[in-house]
Amino acid sequence: MVQSDPGRAAPADNSPPLTPFEDFEASAWSRLRANTPMTLTEDDLVQLRGINEELSLDEVTRIYLPLSRLINLYVGASQELARATDTFLGTAPKPVPYIIGLAGSVAVGKSTTSRVLQALLSRWPDHPQVALITTDGFLFPNAELEARDLMGRKGFPESYDTRALRDCVAALKSAQPVDIPVYSHLVYNVVPGEVERIERPDIVIVEGLNVLQSGDGGPFVSDFFDLTVYVDAPEATIRKWYVQRFLKLRKTAFADPRSYFRRYADLSDEQARTTAESIWDTINGPNLTSNIAPTCARADVVLTKGKDHVVERVRLRRI
């Protein structure tokens, strides 16, 4: 029997750390597009871009076309599985939507990513009806937030009617029509009595800050997702994007007399920058650190952006 020498150091373990993800640089990911055709034009992108984002057709080709191809394959596999279950049970087919949860920080580009995916996926022939739900409509109205002393925590998990959001997605998964509350960014509030009806969608994208959180002892909205996507970037970079966006909004949307943020329109550049940094440091930053960023590890696909808002890496969950 060979005994180890207690005076000799153990050999270094140079094996890479175990991870459930496969990591792709953008160039490698782009090759997975295969022959997927580009179905968007520059005019389309003008409508899809968010404030302070320079989304290009090249990035759509490199990043979002491969992702749309992957999702199309997943949707097909999900439909085949549903048909197999119906055959086993001897029940009539009951089409249900494929539901995608998409999360990330304020100002990271979630909304643009959601709109681009919606546009690309709706152009695939097998699932032309692609609905987009933003969780803003499920924020409690401002009056209720004020009554609960939560206006300073708007966007935190406790500021949402999570039961209503969960019930909405559960109804969609049961092939039922739903009415989605409408949120106005202009007045910074849910619009009383105004809803958007979603009926018989093929795919639903649910976009929001906290949609990938899990429940404590009960079902949560993320339990109904078929695929989850997280848009990521370093916090310092997102903070910079938030401040830049705030400065642009000050000269555009905030200048509208109806805007909830009209009081910020007349700030000087220095005052506006200081205000935006304070809002980030007291609200958006803590929410990202405590509630949003921890859910990144639960995503099936992670899109990581660099300083210029371009996706540089893609992580795909394999296990």
Protein backbone atom coordinates (compact mmCIF):
# COMPACT_ATOMS: atom_id res chain seq x y z
CA MET A 1 0.00 0.00 0.00
CA VAL A 2 1.41 3.37 -1.04
CA GLN A 3 1.12 6.05 1.62
CA SER A 4 1.04 9.76 0.87
CA ASP A 5 3.89 11.93 1.99
CA PRO A 6 2.49 14.36 4.58
CA GLY A 7 5.29 16.80 3.76
CA ARG A 8 4.45 16.98 0.07
CA ALA A 9 1.89 19.46 -1.18
CA ALA A 10 -1.19 18.02 -2.83
CA PRO A 11 -1.22 18.39 -6.62
CA ALA A 12 -3.04 21.47 -7.81
CA ASP A 13 -6.49 20.87 -9.26
CA ASN A 14 -6.45 22.81 -12.52
CA SER A 15 -9.81 21.54 -13.73
CA PRO A 16 -12.30 24.32 -14.53
CA PRO A 17 -15.02 24.99 -11.93
CA LEU A 18 -18.27 23.15 -12.45
CA THR A 19 -21.06 25.28 -13.88
CA PRO A 20 -24.52 24.55 -15.28
CA PHE A 21 -23.88 27.03 -18.10
CA GLU A 22 -22.08 26.89 -21.41
CA ASP A 23 -20.39 30.22 -22.07
CA PHE A 24 -20.19 31.79 -25.54
CA GLU A 25 -18.41 34.85 -26.79
CA ALA A 26 -20.64 36.87 -29.11
CA SER A 27 -18.78 35.68 -32.22
CA ALA A 28 -19.21 32.01 -31.30
CA TRP A 29 -22.85 32.53 -30.38
CA SER A 30 -23.53 34.28 -33.70
CA ARG A 31 -22.57 31.15 -35.63
CA LEU A 32 -25.49 29.34 -34.03
CA ARG A 33 -27.81 31.49 -36.12
CA ALA A 34 -27.38 28.85 -38.86
CA ASN A 35 -29.55 29.93 -41.80
CA THR A 36 -32.08 31.92 -39.79
CA PRO A 37 -33.11 34.85 -42.02
CA MET A 38 -33.07 38.44 -40.84
CA THR A 39 -36.69 39.62 -40.76
CA LEU A 40 -36.20 43.08 -39.25
CA THR A 41 -35.23 46.29 -41.00
CA GLU A 42 -33.51 49.45 -39.80
CA ASP A 43 -36.93 51.12 -39.69
CA ASP A 44 -38.13 48.35 -37.36
CA LEU A 45 -35.21 49.00 -35.01
CA VAL A 46 -36.07 52.67 -34.76
CA GLN A 47 -39.37 51.61 -33.16
CA LEU A 48 -37.78 48.94 -30.97
CA ARG A 49 -34.79 50.80 -29.49
CA GLY A 50 -34.97 52.12 -25.97
CA ILE A 51 -33.77 55.51 -24.79
CA ASN A 52 -29.97 55.73 -24.72
CA GLU A 53 -29.49 52.46 -26.64
CA GLU A 54 -27.81 52.04 -30.02
CA LEU A 55 -29.16 48.66 -31.07
CA SER A 56 -27.90 47.73 -34.55
CA LEU A 57 -28.97 45.19 -37.14
CA ASP A 58 -25.54 43.63 -36.71
CA GLU A 59 -26.22 42.94 -33.04
CA VAL A 60 -29.67 41.57 -33.83
CA THR A 61 -28.01 39.24 -36.33
CA ARG A 62 -25.24 38.16 -33.93
CA ILE A 63 -27.22 37.82 -30.70
CA TYR A 64 -30.97 37.85 -31.14
CA LEU A 65 -31.40 35.79 -34.29
CA PRO A 66 -29.60 32.79 -32.73
CA LEU A 67 -31.67 33.25 -29.58
CA SER A 68 -34.90 33.34 -31.61
CA ARG A 69 -33.81 30.15 -33.37
CA LEU A 70 -33.16 28.45 -30.01
CA ILE A 71 -36.54 29.55 -28.68
CA ASN A 72 -38.26 28.34 -31.85
CA LEU A 73 -36.70 24.91 -31.33
CA TYR A 74 -37.75 24.92 -27.68
CA VAL A 75 -41.33 25.87 -28.59
CA GLY A 76 -41.51 23.02 -31.11
CA ALA A 77 -40.20 20.54 -28.54
CA SER A 78 -42.70 21.81 -25.96
CA GLN A 79 -45.57 21.36 -28.41
CA GLU A 80 -44.45 17.81 -29.19
CA LEU A 81 -44.32 17.00 -25.48
CA ALA A 82 -47.82 18.39 -24.99
CA ARG A 83 -49.11 16.26 -27.87
CA ALA A 84 -47.48 13.18 -26.34
CA THR A 85 -49.20 13.87 -23.02
CA ASP A 86 -52.56 14.34 -24.75
CA THR A 87 -52.06 11.04 -26.59
CA PHE A 88 -51.24 9.26 -23.35
CA LEU A 89 -54.25 10.71 -21.53
CA GLY A 90 -56.57 10.36 -24.50
CA THR A 91 -57.56 14.02 -24.25
CA ALA A 92 -58.20 16.55 -26.99
CA PRO A 93 -55.26 18.87 -27.73
CA LYS A 94 -55.42 22.11 -25.76
CA PRO A 95 -52.84 24.59 -27.06
CA VAL A 96 -51.19 26.60 -24.29
CA PRO A 97 -48.70 29.42 -24.78
CA TYR A 98 -44.97 29.04 -24.34
CA ILE A 99 -44.06 31.55 -21.62
CA ILE A 100 -40.71 33.35 -21.39
CA GLY A 101 -39.68 35.29 -18.29
CA LEU A 102 -37.20 38.12 -18.90
CA ALA A 103 -35.52 39.96 -16.03
CA GLY A 104 -32.75 42.45 -15.31
CA SER A 105 -32.03 45.79 -13.70
CA VAL A 106 -33.57 49.16 -14.36
CA ALA A 107 -31.80 50.76 -17.37
CA VAL A 108 -30.10 47.53 -18.50
CA GLY A 109 -32.22 47.21 -21.66
CA LYS A 110 -34.86 44.64 -20.70
CA SER A 111 -37.62 46.39 -22.59
CA THR A 112 -35.63 46.63 -25.81
CA THR A 113 -34.61 42.98 -25.56
CA SER A 114 -38.24 41.98 -25.01
CA ARG A 115 -39.49 44.01 -27.96
CA VAL A 116 -36.79 42.64 -30.29
CA LEU A 117 -37.56 39.06 -29.28
CA GLN A 118 -41.28 39.68 -29.71
CA ALA A 119 -40.71 41.07 -33.22
CA LEU A 120 -38.39 38.23 -34.27
CA LEU A 121 -40.47 35.41 -32.80
CA SER A 122 -43.70 36.71 -34.32
CA ARG A 123 -42.12 36.33 -37.76
CA TRP A 124 -41.59 32.59 -37.34
CA PRO A 125 -44.45 30.79 -39.14
CA ASP A 126 -45.29 28.37 -36.32
CA HIS A 127 -46.10 30.96 -33.65
CA PRO A 128 -47.17 34.32 -35.10
CA GLN A 129 -49.06 35.52 -32.01
CA VAL A 130 -46.44 36.74 -29.53
CA ALA A 131 -47.67 38.81 -26.59
CA LEU A 132 -45.55 41.01 -24.34
CA ILE A 133 -46.51 41.66 -20.73
CA THR A 134 -44.58 44.12 -18.57
CA THR A 135 -45.00 43.72 -14.84
CA ASP A 136 -45.37 47.50 -14.37
CA GLY A 137 -49.12 47.02 -14.71
CA PHE A 138 -49.04 44.85 -11.59
CA LEU A 139 -47.49 47.51 -9.39
CA PHE A 140 -49.87 48.62 -6.67
CA PRO A 141 -51.42 52.01 -7.51
CA ASN A 142 -49.53 54.97 -6.07
CA ALA A 143 -52.28 55.67 -3.54
CA GLU A 144 -51.87 52.18 -2.11
CA LEU A 145 -48.09 52.43 -2.17
CA GLU A 146 -48.32 55.69 -0.25
CA ALA A 147 -50.71 54.14 2.26
CA ARG A 148 -48.23 51.29 2.77
CA ASP A 149 -45.27 53.71 2.92
CA LEU A 150 -43.74 52.01 -0.15
CA MET A 151 -43.38 54.86 -2.67
CA GLY A 152 -39.66 54.95 -1.89
CA ARG A 153 -39.46 51.23 -2.67
CA LYS A 154 -41.39 51.22 -5.94
CA GLY A 155 -39.95 48.39 -8.03
CA PHE A 156 -39.04 46.28 -4.99
CA PRO A 157 -40.87 42.93 -4.76
CA GLU A 158 -43.27 44.18 -2.08
CA SER A 159 -44.53 46.98 -4.35
CA TYR A 160 -46.15 44.50 -6.76
CA ASP A 161 -49.44 42.64 -6.56
CA THR A 162 -47.58 39.35 -7.00
CA ARG A 163 -50.72 37.26 -6.48
CA ALA A 164 -52.48 39.01 -9.37
CA LEU A 165 -49.41 38.57 -11.59
CA ARG A 166 -49.12 34.90 -10.70
CA ASP A 167 -52.83 34.30 -11.29
CA CYS A 168 -52.58 36.05 -14.66
CA VAL A 169 -49.72 33.85 -15.88
CA ALA A 170 -51.41 30.74 -14.47
CA ALA A 171 -54.56 31.62 -16.43
CA LEU A 172 -52.52 32.05 -19.61
CA LYS A 173 -50.94 28.67 -19.01
CA SER A 174 -54.46 27.26 -18.76
CA ALA A 175 -55.33 28.73 -22.19
CA GLN A 176 -57.64 31.35 -20.69
CA PRO A 177 -57.87 34.98 -21.89
CA VAL A 178 -56.54 37.58 -19.47
CA ASP A 179 -56.83 41.33 -18.98
CA ILE A 180 -53.51 43.07 -18.22
CA PRO A 181 -53.60 46.36 -16.26
CA VAL A 182 -52.11 49.26 -18.21
CA TYR A 183 -49.30 51.31 -16.67
CA SER A 184 -48.42 54.86 -17.74
CA HIS A 185 -44.78 55.89 -17.41
CA LEU A 186 -45.90 59.45 -18.06
CA VAL A 187 -47.99 59.68 -14.90
CA TYR A 188 -45.95 56.98 -13.11
CA ASN A 189 -49.03 55.00 -12.15
CA VAL A 190 -51.45 52.27 -13.14
CA VAL A 191 -54.25 53.69 -15.33
CA PRO A 192 -57.56 53.07 -13.50
CA GLY A 193 -59.95 50.81 -15.40
CA GLU A 194 -57.70 50.45 -18.48
CA VAL A 195 -56.64 46.95 -19.52
CA GLU A 196 -55.15 45.12 -22.47
CA ARG A 197 -56.74 41.79 -23.34
CA ILE A 198 -54.49 38.88 -24.31
CA GLU A 199 -56.23 35.94 -25.92
CA ARG A 200 -54.86 32.77 -27.53
CA PRO A 201 -51.19 33.78 -27.80
CA ASP A 202 -48.62 31.31 -29.07
CA ILE A 203 -45.82 32.81 -26.98
CA VAL A 204 -45.91 35.24 -24.06
CA ILE A 205 -42.91 37.27 -22.89
CA VAL A 206 -43.23 38.45 -19.28
CA GLU A 207 -40.72 41.24 -18.65
CA GLY A 208 -39.92 42.76 -15.28
CA LEU A 209 -37.39 43.43 -12.56
CA ASN A 210 -38.25 40.59 -10.22
CA VAL A 211 -39.96 37.96 -12.38
CA LEU A 212 -37.30 35.29 -11.76
CA GLN A 213 -37.76 35.25 -8.01
CA SER A 214 -39.02 32.07 -6.44
CA GLY A 215 -41.82 31.81 -3.93
CA ASP A 216 -41.54 30.92 -0.26
CA GLY A 217 -43.69 27.88 0.32
CA GLY A 218 -46.07 28.52 -2.56
CA PRO A 219 -46.20 28.99 -6.33
CA PHE A 220 -44.63 32.13 -7.79
CA VAL A 221 -44.89 33.57 -11.28
CA SER A 222 -41.53 32.04 -12.25
CA ASP A 223 -42.96 28.57 -11.69
CA PHE A 224 -45.02 28.98 -14.87
CA PHE A 225 -42.16 29.97 -17.18
CA ASP A 226 -40.89 27.62 -19.87
CA LEU A 227 -37.72 29.64 -20.45
CA THR A 228 -36.02 32.43 -18.51
CA VAL A 229 -33.68 35.15 -19.76
CA TYR A 230 -31.60 37.58 -17.69
CA VAL A 231 -30.03 40.74 -19.15
CA ASP A 232 -26.84 41.45 -17.23
CA ALA A 233 -24.10 44.09 -16.99
CA PRO A 234 -21.73 45.35 -14.25
CA GLU A 235 -23.57 47.51 -11.73
CA ALA A 236 -21.28 50.50 -12.27
CA THR A 237 -22.07 50.37 -15.97
CA ILE A 238 -25.82 50.14 -15.41
CA ARG A 239 -25.62 53.07 -12.97
CA LYS A 240 -23.95 55.14 -15.69
CA TRP A 241 -26.66 54.15 -18.20
CA TYR A 242 -29.35 55.11 -15.69
CA VAL A 243 -27.87 58.58 -15.19
CA GLN A 244 -27.51 59.09 -18.96
CA ARG A 245 -31.13 58.03 -19.49
CA PHE A 246 -32.32 60.36 -16.73
CA LEU A 247 -30.54 63.30 -18.39
CA LYS A 248 -32.21 62.51 -21.72
CA LEU A 249 -35.65 62.10 -20.16
CA ARG A 250 -35.25 65.46 -18.44
CA LYS A 251 -35.29 67.10 -21.88
CA THR A 252 -38.02 64.88 -23.35
CA ALA A 253 -40.66 63.01 -21.35
CA PHE A 254 -40.09 64.94 -18.12
CA ALA A 255 -40.77 68.20 -19.95
CA ASP A 256 -44.38 67.15 -20.62
CA PRO A 257 -46.64 69.13 -18.24
CA ARG A 258 -48.53 65.91 -17.45
CA SER A 259 -45.39 64.07 -16.38
CA TYR A 260 -45.10 62.88 -12.79
CA PHE A 261 -41.43 63.90 -13.04
CA ARG A 262 -42.10 67.40 -14.40
CA ARG A 263 -40.26 68.87 -11.39
CA TYR A 264 -36.99 67.46 -12.75
CA ALA A 265 -37.24 69.11 -16.17
CA ASP A 266 -35.81 72.45 -15.06
CA LEU A 267 -32.82 71.08 -13.17
CA SER A 268 -29.36 72.06 -14.33
CA ASP A 269 -27.09 69.36 -15.72
CA GLU A 270 -25.25 69.12 -12.41
CA GLN A 271 -28.45 69.03 -10.37
CA ALA A 272 -29.99 66.39 -12.65
CA ARG A 273 -26.88 64.21 -12.46
CA THR A 274 -26.79 64.48 -8.66
CA THR A 275 -30.51 63.65 -8.46
CA ALA A 276 -30.18 60.62 -10.73
CA GLU A 277 -27.19 59.30 -8.81
CA SER A 278 -29.07 59.72 -5.53
CA ILE A 279 -32.11 57.83 -6.87
CA TRP A 280 -29.84 55.02 -8.05
CA ASP A 281 -27.88 54.82 -4.81
CA THR A 282 -30.96 54.80 -2.57
CA ILE A 283 -33.50 52.82 -4.64
CA ASN A 284 -32.41 51.14 -7.86
CA GLY A 285 -28.95 50.06 -6.74
CA PRO A 286 -30.12 48.42 -3.49
CA ASN A 287 -32.99 46.72 -5.33
CA LEU A 288 -30.56 45.34 -7.90
CA THR A 289 -28.14 44.08 -5.26
CA SER A 290 -30.69 42.58 -2.89
CA ASN A 291 -33.46 41.31 -5.17
CA ILE A 292 -32.68 41.32 -8.89
CA ALA A 293 -29.05 40.25 -9.34
CA PRO A 294 -29.41 37.13 -7.14
CA THR A 295 -31.97 35.75 -9.62
CA CYS A 296 -29.46 35.77 -12.50
CA ALA A 297 -28.27 32.30 -11.47
CA ARG A 298 -31.80 30.96 -12.03
CA ALA A 299 -31.95 32.02 -15.69
CA ASP A 300 -31.70 29.66 -18.65
CA VAL A 301 -30.04 32.31 -20.83
CA VAL A 302 -27.88 35.20 -19.60
CA LEU A 303 -27.08 38.05 -21.98
CA THR A 304 -24.08 40.00 -20.66
CA LYS A 305 -23.53 43.51 -21.99
CA GLY A 306 -20.40 45.63 -22.21
CA LYS A 307 -20.02 49.37 -21.70
CA ASP A 308 -21.49 50.26 -25.10
CA HIS A 309 -24.77 48.40 -24.44
CA VAL A 310 -23.75 45.60 -26.83
CA VAL A 311 -24.09 41.97 -25.71
CA GLU A 312 -20.57 40.53 -25.43
CA ARG A 313 -21.26 37.09 -23.96
CA VAL A 314 -24.14 34.63 -23.79
CA ARG A 315 -24.50 31.90 -21.19
CA LEU A 316 -26.82 29.00 -21.91
CA ARG A 317 -27.94 26.63 -19.16
CA ARG A 318 -27.27 23.02 -20.06
CA ILE A 319 -28.17 21.33 -16.76
